[in-house]
Amino acid sequence: MAEVVVTGKAQKYQQEIKVGKHTFQSDITVESGGQDTAPGPHELLLGALGSCTSVTVQMFAERRGWDLKSVCVKLTEEKIDDPNNPGVKIPKIVRNIEVSGNLTGEQLDSLKAIADKCQIHKLLTGPKEIITDLKSTQTVS
């Protein structure tokens, strides 16, 4: 089971993210009140989806001995009108995958289909439960 620890830093809205032996930062844009010193939460989420997609496609091709040379995943997020709720905006993620190698049309179709099987794609689109627990380490008077 993965554990990620995120700690707010002294600089306004900058976050330190620790995952095992890895440490990196997150921030928000200046327009939103941050310093823009690191990727924001949405960029990190898109990065997780993109890297999971790329690895999934690579592993699938490798296991079949296909001639996949490279994978490039470009993601964008935009707000669109919710077709079920007029006037409400919902997020739309567009994932463009570009591969290179000596691949047949059938292999390309299989790679496109397997992209939706990456664990982050399934986490984002499937049923989930998020439980929030909050505690204070200081006495409130």
N, C-alpha and C. Protein backbone atom coordinates (compact mmCIF):
# COMPACT_ATOMS: atom_id res chain seq x y z
N MET A 1 0.85 -1.17 0.00
CA MET A 1 0.00 0.00 0.00
C MET A 1 0.89 1.24 0.00
N ALA A 2 0.58 2.16 -0.85
CA ALA A 2 1.36 3.39 -0.96
C ALA A 2 0.98 4.35 0.16
N GLU A 3 1.97 5.05 0.67
CA GLU A 3 1.71 6.13 1.62
C GLU A 3 2.40 7.38 1.11
N VAL A 4 1.65 8.44 1.05
CA VAL A 4 2.15 9.73 0.63
C VAL A 4 1.89 10.70 1.78
N VAL A 5 2.92 11.47 2.16
CA VAL A 5 2.77 12.46 3.23
C VAL A 5 2.99 13.84 2.62
N VAL A 6 2.00 14.70 2.76
CA VAL A 6 2.06 16.06 2.22
C VAL A 6 2.03 17.03 3.39
N THR A 7 3.02 17.94 3.43
CA THR A 7 3.14 18.90 4.52
C THR A 7 3.18 20.31 3.96
N GLY A 8 2.33 21.18 4.50
CA GLY A 8 2.34 22.58 4.10
C GLY A 8 3.62 23.24 4.57
N LYS A 9 4.25 24.00 3.70
CA LYS A 9 5.52 24.66 4.01
C LYS A 9 5.27 26.09 4.50
N ALA A 10 6.35 26.73 4.94
CA ALA A 10 6.25 28.11 5.42
C ALA A 10 5.84 29.06 4.31
N GLN A 11 6.32 28.80 3.07
CA GLN A 11 5.92 29.64 1.95
C GLN A 11 4.45 29.37 1.64
N LYS A 12 3.74 30.41 1.35
CA LYS A 12 2.30 30.32 1.16
C LYS A 12 1.93 29.27 0.11
N TYR A 13 1.20 28.27 0.53
CA TYR A 13 0.60 27.20 -0.28
C TYR A 13 1.60 26.20 -0.87
N GLN A 14 2.90 26.39 -0.68
CA GLN A 14 3.84 25.40 -1.18
C GLN A 14 3.76 24.15 -0.30
N GLN A 15 3.76 22.98 -0.93
CA GLN A 15 3.63 21.71 -0.22
C GLN A 15 4.86 20.85 -0.46
N GLU A 16 5.27 20.12 0.57
CA GLU A 16 6.33 19.13 0.42
C GLU A 16 5.66 17.76 0.39
N ILE A 17 5.98 16.99 -0.63
CA ILE A 17 5.37 15.67 -0.82
C ILE A 17 6.46 14.62 -0.64
N LYS A 18 6.23 13.69 0.28
CA LYS A 18 7.18 12.60 0.52
C LYS A 18 6.51 11.28 0.18
N VAL A 19 7.21 10.51 -0.65
CA VAL A 19 6.76 9.19 -1.05
C VAL A 19 7.97 8.27 -0.90
N GLY A 20 7.99 7.49 0.15
CA GLY A 20 9.15 6.64 0.41
C GLY A 20 10.40 7.49 0.54
N LYS A 21 11.41 7.21 -0.28
CA LYS A 21 12.66 7.97 -0.22
C LYS A 21 12.66 9.20 -1.12
N HIS A 22 11.53 9.46 -1.78
CA HIS A 22 11.44 10.59 -2.72
C HIS A 22 10.73 11.78 -2.07
N THR A 23 11.27 12.97 -2.35
CA THR A 23 10.66 14.21 -1.87
C THR A 23 10.57 15.18 -3.03
N PHE A 24 9.39 15.78 -3.20
CA PHE A 24 9.23 16.80 -4.24
C PHE A 24 8.20 17.81 -3.77
N GLN A 25 7.96 18.82 -4.57
CA GLN A 25 7.13 19.96 -4.17
C GLN A 25 5.88 20.09 -5.02
N SER A 26 4.92 20.80 -4.46
CA SER A 26 3.73 21.22 -5.18
C SER A 26 3.43 22.65 -4.75
N ASP A 27 2.81 23.39 -5.62
CA ASP A 27 2.46 24.78 -5.33
C ASP A 27 1.24 25.11 -6.19
N ILE A 28 0.75 26.31 -6.06
CA ILE A 28 -0.33 26.77 -6.93
C ILE A 28 0.14 28.03 -7.65
N THR A 29 -0.59 28.45 -8.64
CA THR A 29 -0.20 29.60 -9.45
C THR A 29 -0.23 30.89 -8.65
N VAL A 30 0.49 31.88 -9.13
CA VAL A 30 0.50 33.20 -8.51
C VAL A 30 -0.91 33.79 -8.53
N GLU A 31 -1.64 33.58 -9.63
CA GLU A 31 -3.01 34.09 -9.74
C GLU A 31 -3.93 33.52 -8.66
N SER A 32 -3.61 32.33 -8.18
CA SER A 32 -4.42 31.69 -7.13
C SER A 32 -3.89 31.97 -5.74
N GLY A 33 -2.79 32.75 -5.64
CA GLY A 33 -2.24 33.11 -4.35
C GLY A 33 -0.97 32.39 -3.96
N GLY A 34 -0.49 31.49 -4.84
CA GLY A 34 0.73 30.76 -4.54
C GLY A 34 1.96 31.46 -5.12
N GLN A 35 3.06 30.73 -5.13
CA GLN A 35 4.32 31.24 -5.66
C GLN A 35 4.67 30.65 -7.02
N ASP A 36 3.96 29.61 -7.46
CA ASP A 36 4.23 28.91 -8.73
C ASP A 36 5.65 28.36 -8.77
N THR A 37 6.10 27.77 -7.64
CA THR A 37 7.45 27.21 -7.55
C THR A 37 7.53 25.75 -7.96
N ALA A 38 6.38 25.13 -8.19
CA ALA A 38 6.34 23.71 -8.52
C ALA A 38 5.01 23.41 -9.20
N PRO A 39 4.86 22.22 -9.75
CA PRO A 39 3.57 21.87 -10.37
C PRO A 39 2.45 21.94 -9.34
N GLY A 40 1.27 22.26 -9.82
CA GLY A 40 0.10 22.30 -8.96
C GLY A 40 -0.55 20.93 -8.86
N PRO A 41 -1.52 20.79 -7.97
CA PRO A 41 -2.19 19.50 -7.79
C PRO A 41 -2.78 18.92 -9.07
N HIS A 42 -3.38 19.76 -9.91
CA HIS A 42 -3.96 19.24 -11.16
C HIS A 42 -2.88 18.72 -12.10
N GLU A 43 -1.76 19.43 -12.18
CA GLU A 43 -0.65 18.97 -13.04
C GLU A 43 -0.08 17.66 -12.51
N LEU A 44 0.02 17.54 -11.18
CA LEU A 44 0.53 16.29 -10.61
C LEU A 44 -0.43 15.13 -10.91
N LEU A 45 -1.72 15.39 -10.84
CA LEU A 45 -2.71 14.35 -11.16
C LEU A 45 -2.60 13.94 -12.63
N LEU A 46 -2.50 14.93 -13.52
CA LEU A 46 -2.33 14.61 -14.94
C LEU A 46 -1.02 13.86 -15.18
N GLY A 47 0.03 14.25 -14.45
CA GLY A 47 1.31 13.55 -14.57
C GLY A 47 1.20 12.10 -14.13
N ALA A 48 0.44 11.85 -13.06
CA ALA A 48 0.24 10.48 -12.60
C ALA A 48 -0.50 9.66 -13.65
N LEU A 49 -1.54 10.24 -14.24
CA LEU A 49 -2.29 9.54 -15.28
C LEU A 49 -1.41 9.29 -16.51
N GLY A 50 -0.64 10.29 -16.91
CA GLY A 50 0.22 10.15 -18.08
C GLY A 50 1.32 9.11 -17.87
N SER A 51 1.97 9.14 -16.71
CA SER A 51 3.05 8.18 -16.48
C SER A 51 2.51 6.76 -16.35
N CYS A 52 1.36 6.61 -15.70
CA CYS A 52 0.75 5.28 -15.59
C CYS A 52 0.35 4.76 -16.96
N THR A 53 -0.21 5.63 -17.79
CA THR A 53 -0.60 5.24 -19.14
C THR A 53 0.61 4.79 -19.94
N SER A 54 1.68 5.57 -19.91
CA SER A 54 2.88 5.25 -20.66
C SER A 54 3.48 3.91 -20.22
N VAL A 55 3.59 3.71 -18.91
CA VAL A 55 4.14 2.46 -18.39
C VAL A 55 3.27 1.27 -18.79
N THR A 56 1.95 1.44 -18.69
CA THR A 56 1.03 0.36 -19.03
C THR A 56 1.17 -0.03 -20.50
N VAL A 57 1.23 0.95 -21.38
CA VAL A 57 1.40 0.70 -22.81
C VAL A 57 2.74 0.02 -23.08
N GLN A 58 3.81 0.52 -22.44
CA GLN A 58 5.14 -0.08 -22.63
C GLN A 58 5.18 -1.53 -22.16
N MET A 59 4.64 -1.79 -20.98
CA MET A 59 4.65 -3.15 -20.44
C MET A 59 3.86 -4.11 -21.33
N PHE A 60 2.71 -3.66 -21.80
CA PHE A 60 1.86 -4.48 -22.65
C PHE A 60 2.59 -4.87 -23.94
N ALA A 61 3.21 -3.87 -24.57
CA ALA A 61 3.95 -4.14 -25.82
C ALA A 61 5.16 -5.02 -25.57
N GLU A 62 5.87 -4.77 -24.49
CA GLU A 62 7.06 -5.57 -24.17
C GLU A 62 6.71 -7.03 -23.95
N ARG A 63 5.64 -7.28 -23.23
CA ARG A 63 5.22 -8.66 -22.95
C ARG A 63 4.83 -9.42 -24.21
N ARG A 64 4.44 -8.69 -25.24
CA ARG A 64 4.07 -9.33 -26.49
C ARG A 64 5.20 -9.31 -27.52
N GLY A 65 6.31 -8.72 -27.15
CA GLY A 65 7.45 -8.67 -28.06
C GLY A 65 7.26 -7.73 -29.23
N TRP A 66 6.40 -6.72 -29.06
CA TRP A 66 6.14 -5.77 -30.13
C TRP A 66 7.25 -4.74 -30.23
N ASP A 67 7.42 -4.18 -31.42
CA ASP A 67 8.49 -3.21 -31.68
C ASP A 67 8.03 -1.78 -31.32
N LEU A 68 7.80 -1.55 -30.03
CA LEU A 68 7.44 -0.22 -29.55
C LEU A 68 8.72 0.50 -29.16
N LYS A 69 9.00 1.61 -29.81
CA LYS A 69 10.23 2.37 -29.55
C LYS A 69 10.04 3.43 -28.48
N SER A 70 8.91 4.14 -28.51
CA SER A 70 8.67 5.20 -27.53
C SER A 70 7.18 5.47 -27.38
N VAL A 71 6.87 6.08 -26.23
CA VAL A 71 5.49 6.48 -25.93
C VAL A 71 5.55 7.91 -25.39
N CYS A 72 4.69 8.78 -25.90
CA CYS A 72 4.57 10.14 -25.38
C CYS A 72 3.09 10.38 -25.10
N VAL A 73 2.79 10.75 -23.86
CA VAL A 73 1.41 10.99 -23.46
C VAL A 73 1.28 12.47 -23.10
N LYS A 74 0.39 13.17 -23.79
CA LYS A 74 0.13 14.58 -23.51
C LYS A 74 -1.29 14.70 -22.98
N LEU A 75 -1.43 15.38 -21.85
CA LEU A 75 -2.74 15.51 -21.21
C LEU A 75 -3.11 16.96 -21.01
N THR A 76 -4.38 17.24 -21.18
CA THR A 76 -4.91 18.57 -20.88
C THR A 76 -6.19 18.40 -20.07
N GLU A 77 -6.47 19.41 -19.28
CA GLU A 77 -7.71 19.44 -18.52
C GLU A 77 -8.42 20.74 -18.84
N GLU A 78 -9.70 20.64 -19.07
CA GLU A 78 -10.50 21.84 -19.33
C GLU A 78 -11.85 21.67 -18.65
N LYS A 79 -12.58 22.75 -18.53
CA LYS A 79 -13.93 22.72 -17.97
C LYS A 79 -14.91 22.76 -19.12
N ILE A 80 -15.89 21.86 -19.06
CA ILE A 80 -16.93 21.81 -20.09
C ILE A 80 -18.30 21.84 -19.41
N ASP A 81 -19.34 22.13 -20.19
CA ASP A 81 -20.69 22.12 -19.66
C ASP A 81 -21.12 20.69 -19.35
N ASP A 82 -21.70 20.50 -18.18
CA ASP A 82 -22.22 19.20 -17.79
C ASP A 82 -23.51 18.95 -18.57
N PRO A 83 -23.56 17.91 -19.41
CA PRO A 83 -24.76 17.67 -20.21
C PRO A 83 -25.99 17.34 -19.36
N ASN A 84 -25.77 16.89 -18.12
CA ASN A 84 -26.89 16.53 -17.25
C ASN A 84 -27.33 17.67 -16.34
N ASN A 85 -26.52 18.72 -16.24
CA ASN A 85 -26.83 19.85 -15.36
C ASN A 85 -26.49 21.16 -16.06
N PRO A 86 -27.42 21.74 -16.78
CA PRO A 86 -27.15 23.00 -17.49
C PRO A 86 -26.61 24.07 -16.54
N GLY A 87 -25.59 24.78 -17.00
CA GLY A 87 -24.98 25.83 -16.21
C GLY A 87 -23.87 25.37 -15.28
N VAL A 88 -23.69 24.06 -15.16
CA VAL A 88 -22.65 23.50 -14.29
C VAL A 88 -21.49 23.04 -15.16
N LYS A 89 -20.27 23.33 -14.72
CA LYS A 89 -19.07 22.91 -15.43
C LYS A 89 -18.50 21.65 -14.79
N ILE A 90 -17.97 20.77 -15.62
CA ILE A 90 -17.30 19.55 -15.14
C ILE A 90 -15.93 19.46 -15.81
N PRO A 91 -14.99 18.76 -15.18
CA PRO A 91 -13.68 18.62 -15.80
C PRO A 91 -13.70 17.63 -16.95
N LYS A 92 -12.89 17.91 -17.95
CA LYS A 92 -12.70 17.01 -19.08
C LYS A 92 -11.19 16.85 -19.26
N ILE A 93 -10.72 15.63 -19.20
CA ILE A 93 -9.30 15.34 -19.42
C ILE A 93 -9.16 14.73 -20.81
N VAL A 94 -8.27 15.30 -21.59
CA VAL A 94 -7.97 14.77 -22.92
C VAL A 94 -6.57 14.17 -22.86
N ARG A 95 -6.46 12.91 -23.24
CA ARG A 95 -5.18 12.19 -23.23
C ARG A 95 -4.83 11.82 -24.65
N ASN A 96 -3.76 12.41 -25.16
CA ASN A 96 -3.25 12.10 -26.50
C ASN A 96 -1.99 11.26 -26.35
N ILE A 97 -2.01 10.08 -26.96
CA ILE A 97 -0.88 9.15 -26.87
C ILE A 97 -0.25 9.04 -28.24
N GLU A 98 1.05 9.25 -28.29
CA GLU A 98 1.80 9.08 -29.54
C GLU A 98 2.85 7.99 -29.32
N VAL A 99 2.84 7.00 -30.19
CA VAL A 99 3.82 5.92 -30.09
C VAL A 99 4.64 5.88 -31.37
N SER A 100 5.83 5.33 -31.23
CA SER A 100 6.65 5.10 -32.43
C SER A 100 7.15 3.66 -32.38
N GLY A 101 7.36 3.12 -33.55
CA GLY A 101 7.82 1.74 -33.66
C GLY A 101 7.18 1.10 -34.88
N ASN A 102 7.60 -0.10 -35.16
CA ASN A 102 7.06 -0.85 -36.29
C ASN A 102 5.84 -1.63 -35.79
N LEU A 103 4.67 -0.97 -35.81
CA LEU A 103 3.46 -1.54 -35.23
C LEU A 103 2.35 -1.61 -36.27
N THR A 104 1.57 -2.69 -36.21
CA THR A 104 0.44 -2.87 -37.13
C THR A 104 -0.76 -2.07 -36.62
N GLY A 105 -1.75 -1.90 -37.46
CA GLY A 105 -2.99 -1.23 -37.06
C GLY A 105 -3.67 -1.96 -35.91
N GLU A 106 -3.63 -3.28 -35.96
CA GLU A 106 -4.23 -4.08 -34.89
C GLU A 106 -3.48 -3.87 -33.56
N GLN A 107 -2.16 -3.80 -33.63
CA GLN A 107 -1.37 -3.55 -32.43
C GLN A 107 -1.66 -2.15 -31.86
N LEU A 108 -1.80 -1.16 -32.74
CA LEU A 108 -2.13 0.19 -32.29
C LEU A 108 -3.50 0.21 -31.60
N ASP A 109 -4.47 -0.50 -32.15
CA ASP A 109 -5.79 -0.58 -31.52
C ASP A 109 -5.69 -1.21 -30.13
N SER A 110 -4.86 -2.24 -30.01
CA SER A 110 -4.68 -2.90 -28.71
C SER A 110 -4.02 -1.97 -27.71
N LEU A 111 -3.04 -1.19 -28.17
CA LEU A 111 -2.36 -0.25 -27.27
C LEU A 111 -3.32 0.83 -26.79
N LYS A 112 -4.19 1.30 -27.68
CA LYS A 112 -5.17 2.30 -27.29
C LYS A 112 -6.13 1.73 -26.25
N ALA A 113 -6.57 0.51 -26.45
CA ALA A 113 -7.49 -0.13 -25.50
C ALA A 113 -6.84 -0.36 -24.15
N ILE A 114 -5.57 -0.76 -24.14
CA ILE A 114 -4.90 -1.06 -22.87
C ILE A 114 -4.62 0.22 -22.08
N ALA A 115 -4.55 1.37 -22.75
CA ALA A 115 -4.31 2.64 -22.05
C ALA A 115 -5.39 2.88 -21.00
N ASP A 116 -6.63 2.49 -21.30
CA ASP A 116 -7.72 2.68 -20.35
C ASP A 116 -7.67 1.69 -19.19
N LYS A 117 -6.76 0.75 -19.25
CA LYS A 117 -6.62 -0.25 -18.18
C LYS A 117 -5.56 0.16 -17.16
N CYS A 118 -4.89 1.29 -17.36
CA CYS A 118 -3.87 1.69 -16.38
C CYS A 118 -4.54 1.96 -15.04
N GLN A 119 -3.83 1.70 -13.97
CA GLN A 119 -4.40 1.76 -12.63
C GLN A 119 -4.91 3.16 -12.26
N ILE A 120 -4.26 4.21 -12.70
CA ILE A 120 -4.72 5.57 -12.38
C ILE A 120 -5.99 5.89 -13.16
N HIS A 121 -6.07 5.45 -14.41
CA HIS A 121 -7.31 5.64 -15.18
C HIS A 121 -8.47 4.96 -14.46
N LYS A 122 -8.25 3.73 -14.01
CA LYS A 122 -9.30 2.98 -13.32
C LYS A 122 -9.65 3.64 -11.99
N LEU A 123 -8.66 4.18 -11.30
CA LEU A 123 -8.92 4.88 -10.04
C LEU A 123 -9.78 6.12 -10.26
N LEU A 124 -9.47 6.87 -11.30
CA LEU A 124 -10.20 8.10 -11.58
C LEU A 124 -11.62 7.85 -12.08
N THR A 125 -11.82 6.78 -12.84
CA THR A 125 -13.12 6.55 -13.47
C THR A 125 -13.99 5.54 -12.74
N GLY A 126 -13.41 4.76 -11.87
CA GLY A 126 -14.17 3.70 -11.22
C GLY A 126 -14.73 4.12 -9.87
N PRO A 127 -15.47 3.22 -9.25
CA PRO A 127 -16.00 3.52 -7.92
C PRO A 127 -14.86 3.68 -6.92
N LYS A 128 -15.07 4.56 -5.98
CA LYS A 128 -14.03 4.81 -4.99
C LYS A 128 -14.65 5.30 -3.71
N GLU A 129 -13.87 5.25 -2.66
CA GLU A 129 -14.28 5.78 -1.38
C GLU A 129 -13.10 6.56 -0.83
N ILE A 130 -13.34 7.78 -0.41
CA ILE A 130 -12.31 8.60 0.21
C ILE A 130 -12.79 8.93 1.61
N ILE A 131 -12.01 8.56 2.60
CA ILE A 131 -12.35 8.80 3.99
C ILE A 131 -11.41 9.87 4.53
N THR A 132 -11.96 10.88 5.16
CA THR A 132 -11.16 11.97 5.72
C THR A 132 -11.25 11.93 7.24
N ASP A 133 -10.09 11.95 7.89
CA ASP A 133 -10.01 12.03 9.33
C ASP A 133 -9.17 13.24 9.67
N LEU A 134 -9.59 14.06 10.59
CA LEU A 134 -8.84 15.26 10.97
C LEU A 134 -8.65 15.26 12.46
N LYS A 135 -7.41 15.55 12.89
CA LYS A 135 -7.14 15.69 14.32
C LYS A 135 -6.20 16.85 14.52
N SER A 136 -6.25 17.42 15.67
CA SER A 136 -5.39 18.55 16.01
C SER A 136 -4.28 18.09 16.93
N THR A 137 -3.06 18.60 16.69
CA THR A 137 -1.94 18.26 17.57
C THR A 137 -1.75 19.34 18.63
N GLN A 138 -2.60 20.36 18.63
CA GLN A 138 -2.55 21.43 19.62
C GLN A 138 -3.87 21.48 20.37
N THR A 139 -3.80 21.98 21.58
CA THR A 139 -5.01 22.14 22.39
C THR A 139 -5.74 23.40 21.93
N VAL A 140 -7.02 23.26 21.66
CA VAL A 140 -7.83 24.39 21.24
C VAL A 140 -8.50 24.95 22.49
N SER A 141 -8.37 26.28 22.69
CA SER A 141 -8.99 26.88 23.90
C SER A 141 -10.30 27.54 23.59
